């Protein structure tokens, strides 16, 4: 399928690769389908979660385990059920990257990772109860 995007122009995406977010992403509940772009290449630590429903909506994401030592995610039973997780090896954890004008303030939200069941193509952003995880973790120190 050809997907029109605001940032990448027209791109070809296989509909079978769409990730469905039953509840949307907080603040963007109306967009339920996304495509993960650039994750299959090993050249970059950043990739994109592009909305299929809203061409202008695209999140820069990264693997939180690569940027924060000792990172861990607790997924509640109801979220395991919603995402139909049966094999933890088929779960991808991402965190949204915020890129402000001042590049010294580039940061990730470790408090609310995105969990994706890669087998079932289901996703959800989950708020962690761990008070030690920062909402703003700056990548440049």
N, C-alpha and C. Protein backbone atom coordinates (compact mmCIF):
# COMPACT_ATOMS: atom_id res chain seq x y z
N UNK A 1 0.85 -1.18 0.00
CA UNK A 1 0.00 0.00 0.00
C UNK A 1 0.89 1.23 0.00
N UNK A 2 0.49 2.24 -0.78
CA UNK A 2 1.21 3.50 -0.75
C UNK A 2 0.63 4.37 0.33
N UNK A 3 1.52 4.91 1.15
CA UNK A 3 1.12 5.73 2.28
C UNK A 3 1.68 7.13 2.06
N UNK A 4 0.80 8.12 2.09
CA UNK A 4 1.24 9.51 2.00
C UNK A 4 1.61 9.99 3.39
N UNK A 5 2.81 10.53 3.55
CA UNK A 5 3.24 11.02 4.84
C UNK A 5 3.73 12.46 4.70
N UNK A 6 3.65 13.20 5.77
CA UNK A 6 4.10 14.59 5.76
C UNK A 6 5.62 14.68 5.75
N UNK A 7 6.30 13.71 6.36
CA UNK A 7 7.75 13.79 6.53
C UNK A 7 8.54 12.99 5.50
N UNK A 8 7.96 11.93 4.97
CA UNK A 8 8.68 11.05 4.05
C UNK A 8 8.12 11.04 2.64
N UNK A 9 7.04 11.78 2.41
CA UNK A 9 6.37 11.74 1.11
C UNK A 9 5.62 10.43 0.97
N UNK A 10 5.54 9.92 -0.24
CA UNK A 10 4.86 8.65 -0.48
C UNK A 10 5.83 7.50 -0.21
N UNK A 11 5.38 6.57 0.61
CA UNK A 11 6.20 5.39 0.90
C UNK A 11 5.34 4.14 0.72
N UNK A 12 6.01 3.05 0.42
CA UNK A 12 5.33 1.77 0.23
C UNK A 12 5.42 1.00 1.54
N UNK A 13 4.27 0.63 2.08
CA UNK A 13 4.19 -0.12 3.33
C UNK A 13 3.27 -1.31 3.11
N UNK A 14 3.70 -2.48 3.57
CA UNK A 14 2.88 -3.67 3.51
C UNK A 14 1.83 -3.58 4.62
N UNK A 15 0.56 -3.67 4.26
CA UNK A 15 -0.52 -3.56 5.25
C UNK A 15 -0.39 -4.59 6.37
N UNK A 16 0.22 -5.72 6.10
CA UNK A 16 0.41 -6.75 7.12
C UNK A 16 1.39 -6.30 8.19
N UNK A 17 2.17 -5.26 7.92
CA UNK A 17 3.13 -4.74 8.89
C UNK A 17 2.56 -3.64 9.77
N UNK A 18 1.33 -3.20 9.50
CA UNK A 18 0.72 -2.16 10.32
C UNK A 18 0.60 -2.66 11.76
N UNK A 19 0.85 -1.77 12.69
CA UNK A 19 0.70 -2.07 14.11
C UNK A 19 -0.58 -1.38 14.57
N UNK A 20 -1.46 -2.15 15.18
CA UNK A 20 -2.75 -1.63 15.62
C UNK A 20 -2.69 -1.30 17.11
N UNK A 21 -3.03 -0.06 17.44
CA UNK A 21 -3.11 0.41 18.81
C UNK A 21 -4.60 0.51 19.16
N UNK A 22 -5.18 -0.49 19.84
CA UNK A 22 -6.62 -0.49 20.11
C UNK A 22 -7.11 0.78 20.81
N UNK A 23 -6.27 1.35 21.66
CA UNK A 23 -6.65 2.56 22.40
C UNK A 23 -6.00 3.82 21.83
N UNK A 24 -5.29 3.70 20.72
CA UNK A 24 -4.53 4.82 20.20
C UNK A 24 -3.35 5.10 21.12
N UNK A 25 -2.68 6.21 20.91
CA UNK A 25 -1.61 6.68 21.79
C UNK A 25 -2.18 7.88 22.54
N UNK A 26 -1.97 7.97 23.87
CA UNK A 26 -2.55 9.08 24.63
C UNK A 26 -2.31 10.44 23.95
N UNK A 27 -3.40 11.15 23.76
CA UNK A 27 -3.36 12.44 23.08
C UNK A 27 -3.64 12.31 21.59
N UNK A 28 -3.54 11.09 21.07
CA UNK A 28 -3.76 10.83 19.65
C UNK A 28 -4.64 9.58 19.49
N UNK A 29 -5.68 9.49 20.29
CA UNK A 29 -6.54 8.31 20.34
C UNK A 29 -7.22 8.00 19.02
N UNK A 30 -7.42 9.02 18.17
CA UNK A 30 -8.12 8.80 16.90
C UNK A 30 -7.26 8.06 15.89
N UNK A 31 -5.95 8.01 16.09
CA UNK A 31 -5.07 7.28 15.18
C UNK A 31 -4.74 5.92 15.79
N UNK A 32 -5.19 4.87 15.13
CA UNK A 32 -5.04 3.52 15.68
C UNK A 32 -4.01 2.67 14.94
N UNK A 33 -3.70 3.03 13.69
CA UNK A 33 -2.78 2.21 12.90
C UNK A 33 -1.47 2.97 12.64
N UNK A 34 -0.36 2.24 12.82
CA UNK A 34 0.97 2.84 12.65
C UNK A 34 1.87 1.89 11.87
N UNK A 35 2.88 2.49 11.28
CA UNK A 35 3.94 1.72 10.62
C UNK A 35 5.26 2.10 11.26
N UNK A 36 6.07 1.10 11.55
CA UNK A 36 7.39 1.34 12.12
C UNK A 36 8.38 1.43 10.96
N UNK A 37 9.00 2.58 10.81
CA UNK A 37 9.89 2.85 9.69
C UNK A 37 11.34 2.94 10.16
N UNK A 38 12.21 2.21 9.48
CA UNK A 38 13.63 2.28 9.77
C UNK A 38 14.12 1.34 10.85
N UNK A 39 13.22 0.58 11.44
CA UNK A 39 13.61 -0.33 12.52
C UNK A 39 14.38 -1.54 12.02
N UNK A 40 14.17 -1.88 10.76
CA UNK A 40 14.82 -3.07 10.20
C UNK A 40 16.28 -2.82 9.79
N UNK A 41 16.72 -1.57 9.87
CA UNK A 41 18.13 -1.28 9.58
C UNK A 41 18.87 -1.13 10.90
N UNK A 42 20.11 -1.51 10.90
CA UNK A 42 20.91 -1.44 12.12
C UNK A 42 21.79 -0.18 12.16
N UNK A 43 21.57 0.72 11.18
CA UNK A 43 22.42 1.89 11.04
C UNK A 43 22.09 3.02 12.01
N UNK A 44 20.92 3.01 12.60
CA UNK A 44 20.50 4.13 13.44
C UNK A 44 19.85 3.63 14.71
N UNK A 45 19.99 4.43 15.76
CA UNK A 45 19.31 4.11 17.02
C UNK A 45 17.93 4.76 17.07
N UNK A 46 17.65 5.63 16.10
CA UNK A 46 16.35 6.30 16.03
C UNK A 46 15.58 5.78 14.82
N UNK A 47 14.28 5.63 14.97
CA UNK A 47 13.42 5.26 13.86
C UNK A 47 12.08 5.94 14.09
N UNK A 48 11.09 5.64 13.26
CA UNK A 48 9.86 6.40 13.26
C UNK A 48 8.65 5.51 13.39
N UNK A 49 7.68 6.00 14.16
CA UNK A 49 6.38 5.36 14.27
C UNK A 49 5.41 6.29 13.57
N UNK A 50 5.11 5.94 12.31
CA UNK A 50 4.30 6.78 11.43
C UNK A 50 2.84 6.36 11.49
N UNK A 51 1.96 7.33 11.74
CA UNK A 51 0.53 7.06 11.72
C UNK A 51 0.09 6.77 10.29
N UNK A 52 -0.73 5.75 10.14
CA UNK A 52 -1.32 5.43 8.85
C UNK A 52 -2.57 6.30 8.64
N UNK A 53 -3.23 6.65 9.73
CA UNK A 53 -4.49 7.38 9.68
C UNK A 53 -4.31 8.89 9.56
N UNK A 54 -3.18 9.41 10.02
CA UNK A 54 -2.92 10.86 10.00
C UNK A 54 -1.52 11.09 9.42
N UNK A 55 -1.42 11.49 8.15
CA UNK A 55 -0.11 11.62 7.50
C UNK A 55 0.87 12.55 8.22
N UNK A 56 0.37 13.53 8.96
CA UNK A 56 1.24 14.49 9.64
C UNK A 56 1.74 13.98 11.00
N UNK A 57 1.22 12.86 11.48
CA UNK A 57 1.58 12.35 12.80
C UNK A 57 2.66 11.28 12.69
N UNK A 58 3.82 11.59 13.26
CA UNK A 58 4.95 10.66 13.23
C UNK A 58 5.79 10.89 14.48
N UNK A 59 6.10 9.83 15.19
CA UNK A 59 6.92 9.91 16.40
C UNK A 59 8.32 9.38 16.11
N UNK A 60 9.33 10.09 16.59
CA UNK A 60 10.68 9.54 16.59
C UNK A 60 10.74 8.65 17.82
N UNK A 61 11.25 7.43 17.65
CA UNK A 61 11.31 6.47 18.75
C UNK A 61 12.69 5.82 18.80
N UNK A 62 12.99 5.23 19.95
CA UNK A 62 14.24 4.49 20.12
C UNK A 62 14.03 3.38 21.14
N UNK A 63 15.03 2.53 21.25
CA UNK A 63 15.03 1.42 22.20
C UNK A 63 15.51 1.96 23.55
N UNK A 64 14.66 1.99 24.59
CA UNK A 64 15.06 2.55 25.88
C UNK A 64 16.18 1.75 26.56
N UNK A 65 16.31 0.48 26.23
CA UNK A 65 17.36 -0.35 26.84
C UNK A 65 18.75 0.09 26.36
N UNK A 66 18.79 0.78 25.22
CA UNK A 66 20.06 1.27 24.68
C UNK A 66 20.49 2.59 25.31
N UNK A 67 19.55 3.33 25.89
CA UNK A 67 19.88 4.66 26.41
C UNK A 67 19.86 4.76 27.94
N UNK A 68 19.35 3.74 28.61
CA UNK A 68 19.22 3.82 30.07
C UNK A 68 19.59 2.48 30.69
N UNK A 69 20.73 2.43 31.37
CA UNK A 69 21.18 1.19 32.01
C UNK A 69 20.18 0.73 33.06
N UNK A 70 19.88 -0.55 33.05
CA UNK A 70 18.99 -1.13 34.05
C UNK A 70 17.52 -0.85 33.82
N UNK A 71 17.17 -0.41 32.61
CA UNK A 71 15.77 -0.11 32.32
C UNK A 71 14.95 -1.39 32.38
N UNK A 72 13.77 -1.28 32.91
CA UNK A 72 12.85 -2.41 32.98
C UNK A 72 11.43 -1.94 32.80
N UNK A 73 10.58 -2.83 32.32
CA UNK A 73 9.18 -2.49 32.08
C UNK A 73 8.30 -3.49 32.80
N UNK A 74 7.33 -2.97 33.53
CA UNK A 74 6.31 -3.81 34.17
C UNK A 74 5.02 -3.64 33.38
N UNK A 75 4.51 -4.75 32.87
CA UNK A 75 3.28 -4.72 32.09
C UNK A 75 2.19 -5.40 32.92
N UNK A 76 1.12 -4.67 33.17
CA UNK A 76 0.00 -5.20 33.95
C UNK A 76 -0.69 -6.33 33.19
N UNK A 77 -1.34 -7.22 33.92
CA UNK A 77 -2.02 -8.37 33.33
C UNK A 77 -3.03 -7.97 32.25
N UNK A 78 -3.79 -6.89 32.51
CA UNK A 78 -4.80 -6.48 31.52
C UNK A 78 -4.15 -5.99 30.22
N UNK A 79 -2.94 -5.42 30.32
CA UNK A 79 -2.23 -5.00 29.11
C UNK A 79 -1.63 -6.19 28.38
N UNK A 80 -1.17 -7.19 29.12
CA UNK A 80 -0.68 -8.43 28.51
C UNK A 80 -1.83 -9.07 27.72
N UNK A 81 -3.02 -9.04 28.31
CA UNK A 81 -4.20 -9.61 27.65
C UNK A 81 -4.59 -8.78 26.42
N UNK A 82 -4.62 -7.45 26.56
CA UNK A 82 -4.98 -6.58 25.45
C UNK A 82 -4.03 -6.76 24.26
N UNK A 83 -2.74 -6.89 24.57
CA UNK A 83 -1.72 -7.03 23.52
C UNK A 83 -1.52 -8.48 23.09
N UNK A 84 -2.23 -9.39 23.74
CA UNK A 84 -2.17 -10.82 23.42
C UNK A 84 -0.74 -11.36 23.49
N UNK A 85 -0.01 -10.93 24.51
CA UNK A 85 1.38 -11.35 24.68
C UNK A 85 1.43 -12.75 25.27
N UNK A 86 2.04 -13.66 24.55
CA UNK A 86 2.25 -15.03 25.04
C UNK A 86 3.73 -15.38 25.05
N UNK A 87 4.55 -14.58 24.36
CA UNK A 87 5.98 -14.84 24.26
C UNK A 87 6.72 -13.51 24.40
N UNK A 88 7.44 -13.34 25.51
CA UNK A 88 8.14 -12.07 25.75
C UNK A 88 9.25 -11.81 24.73
N UNK A 89 9.69 -12.84 24.02
CA UNK A 89 10.69 -12.65 22.96
C UNK A 89 10.09 -11.99 21.73
N UNK A 90 8.78 -11.87 21.69
CA UNK A 90 8.11 -11.24 20.55
C UNK A 90 7.50 -9.90 20.94
N UNK A 91 8.16 -9.23 21.89
CA UNK A 91 7.73 -7.93 22.35
C UNK A 91 8.83 -6.92 22.08
N UNK A 92 8.44 -5.80 21.49
CA UNK A 92 9.36 -4.70 21.21
C UNK A 92 8.98 -3.54 22.12
N UNK A 93 9.98 -3.00 22.80
CA UNK A 93 9.75 -1.86 23.68
C UNK A 93 10.43 -0.64 23.06
N UNK A 94 9.68 0.44 22.95
CA UNK A 94 10.18 1.68 22.37
C UNK A 94 9.88 2.83 23.32
N UNK A 95 10.59 3.91 23.15
CA UNK A 95 10.29 5.13 23.90
C UNK A 95 10.27 6.29 22.92
N UNK A 96 9.38 7.23 23.17
CA UNK A 96 9.25 8.39 22.29
C UNK A 96 10.38 9.38 22.59
N UNK A 97 10.97 9.88 21.51
CA UNK A 97 12.06 10.85 21.59
C UNK A 97 11.49 12.24 21.34
N UNK A 98 11.87 13.19 22.19
CA UNK A 98 11.47 14.58 21.99
C UNK A 98 12.69 15.32 21.49
N UNK A 99 12.54 15.95 20.31
CA UNK A 99 13.66 16.68 19.72
C UNK A 99 13.28 18.16 19.64
N UNK A 100 13.70 18.94 20.64
CA UNK A 100 13.38 20.37 20.63
C UNK A 100 14.38 21.13 19.74
N UNK A 101 14.14 22.43 19.58
CA UNK A 101 15.07 23.25 18.78
C UNK A 101 16.47 23.21 19.36
N UNK A 102 16.59 23.26 20.67
CA UNK A 102 17.89 23.19 21.32
C UNK A 102 18.27 21.71 21.45
N UNK A 103 19.19 21.25 20.61
CA UNK A 103 19.55 19.83 20.58
C UNK A 103 20.17 19.34 21.89
N UNK A 104 20.61 20.25 22.75
CA UNK A 104 21.13 19.84 24.05
C UNK A 104 20.01 19.30 24.94
N UNK A 105 18.77 19.54 24.56
CA UNK A 105 17.63 19.12 25.37
C UNK A 105 16.89 17.93 24.78
N UNK A 106 17.53 17.19 23.86
CA UNK A 106 16.91 15.99 23.30
C UNK A 106 16.71 14.99 24.44
N UNK A 107 15.52 14.40 24.49
CA UNK A 107 15.19 13.55 25.64
C UNK A 107 14.21 12.45 25.22
N UNK A 108 14.09 11.46 26.11
CA UNK A 108 13.14 10.38 25.91
C UNK A 108 12.23 10.29 27.13
N UNK A 109 11.06 9.72 26.93
CA UNK A 109 10.10 9.51 28.00
C UNK A 109 10.21 8.06 28.45
N UNK A 110 10.93 7.84 29.55
CA UNK A 110 11.10 6.47 30.06
C UNK A 110 9.92 6.02 30.91
N UNK A 111 9.08 6.94 31.30
CA UNK A 111 7.94 6.63 32.16
C UNK A 111 6.79 5.99 31.38
N UNK A 112 6.76 6.22 30.06
CA UNK A 112 5.63 5.74 29.27
C UNK A 112 6.12 5.06 27.98
N UNK A 113 6.69 3.86 28.11
CA UNK A 113 7.16 3.16 26.91
C UNK A 113 6.01 2.67 26.04
N UNK A 114 6.33 2.44 24.79
CA UNK A 114 5.39 1.82 23.86
C UNK A 114 5.75 0.34 23.78
N UNK A 115 4.77 -0.50 24.02
CA UNK A 115 4.96 -1.94 23.99
C UNK A 115 4.27 -2.48 22.75
N UNK A 116 4.99 -3.27 21.94
CA UNK A 116 4.43 -3.82 20.72
C UNK A 116 4.60 -5.33 20.71
N UNK A 117 3.50 -6.03 20.53
CA UNK A 117 3.55 -7.47 20.29
C UNK A 117 3.87 -7.61 18.80
N UNK A 118 5.10 -7.98 18.47
CA UNK A 118 5.54 -8.02 17.07
C UNK A 118 4.89 -9.15 16.29
N UNK A 119 4.42 -10.16 16.98
CA UNK A 119 3.76 -11.28 16.31
C UNK A 119 2.32 -10.93 15.93
N UNK A 120 1.59 -10.33 16.87
CA UNK A 120 0.18 -9.99 16.65
C UNK A 120 0.00 -8.58 16.08
N UNK A 121 1.08 -7.79 16.05
CA UNK A 121 1.04 -6.41 15.53
C UNK A 121 0.07 -5.54 16.34
N UNK A 122 0.18 -5.66 17.67
CA UNK A 122 -0.64 -4.88 18.59
C UNK A 122 0.27 -4.01 19.45
N UNK A 123 -0.14 -2.77 19.72
CA UNK A 123 0.69 -1.88 20.51
C UNK A 123 -0.10 -1.06 21.51
N UNK A 124 0.63 -0.56 22.50
CA UNK A 124 0.04 0.31 23.51
C UNK A 124 1.15 1.09 24.20
N UNK A 125 0.87 2.36 24.49
CA UNK A 125 1.77 3.12 25.34
C UNK A 125 1.32 2.89 26.77
N UNK A 126 2.26 2.48 27.62
CA UNK A 126 1.93 2.07 28.98
C UNK A 126 2.63 2.98 29.98
N UNK A 127 1.88 3.51 30.92
CA UNK A 127 2.45 4.36 31.97
C UNK A 127 3.00 3.44 33.06
N UNK A 128 4.28 3.58 33.35
CA UNK A 128 4.94 2.78 34.38
C UNK A 128 4.66 3.35 35.77
N UNK A 129 4.51 2.48 36.75
CA UNK A 129 4.26 2.90 38.12
C UNK A 129 5.56 3.23 38.87
N UNK A 130 6.69 2.82 38.30
CA UNK A 130 8.00 3.05 38.92
C UNK A 130 8.30 4.55 38.96
N UNK A 131 8.33 5.13 40.17
CA UNK A 131 8.57 6.56 40.32
C UNK A 131 10.00 6.97 40.00
N UNK A 132 10.90 6.01 39.89
CA UNK A 132 12.30 6.33 39.57
C UNK A 132 12.53 6.56 38.08
N UNK A 133 11.57 6.20 37.25
CA UNK A 133 11.72 6.38 35.81
C UNK A 133 11.31 7.80 35.42
N UNK A 134 12.21 8.54 34.79
CA UNK A 134 11.90 9.93 34.44
C UNK A 134 11.05 10.06 33.18
N UNK A 135 10.19 11.06 33.18
CA UNK A 135 9.43 11.42 31.98
C UNK A 135 10.38 12.09 31.00
N UNK A 136 11.34 12.85 31.52
CA UNK A 136 12.32 13.54 30.69
C UNK A 136 13.72 13.03 31.04
N UNK A 137 14.21 12.12 30.24
CA UNK A 137 15.57 11.63 30.42
C UNK A 137 16.40 12.20 29.26
N UNK A 138 17.30 13.12 29.61
CA UNK A 138 18.08 13.82 28.59
C UNK A 138 19.20 12.93 28.06
N UNK A 139 19.30 12.86 26.75
CA UNK A 139 20.30 11.98 26.12
C UNK A 139 21.68 12.61 26.10
N UNK A 140 21.74 13.93 26.12
CA UNK A 140 23.04 14.61 26.11
C UNK A 140 23.34 15.06 27.53
N UNK A 141 24.49 14.62 28.04
CA UNK A 141 24.81 15.00 29.42
C UNK A 141 25.92 16.01 29.47
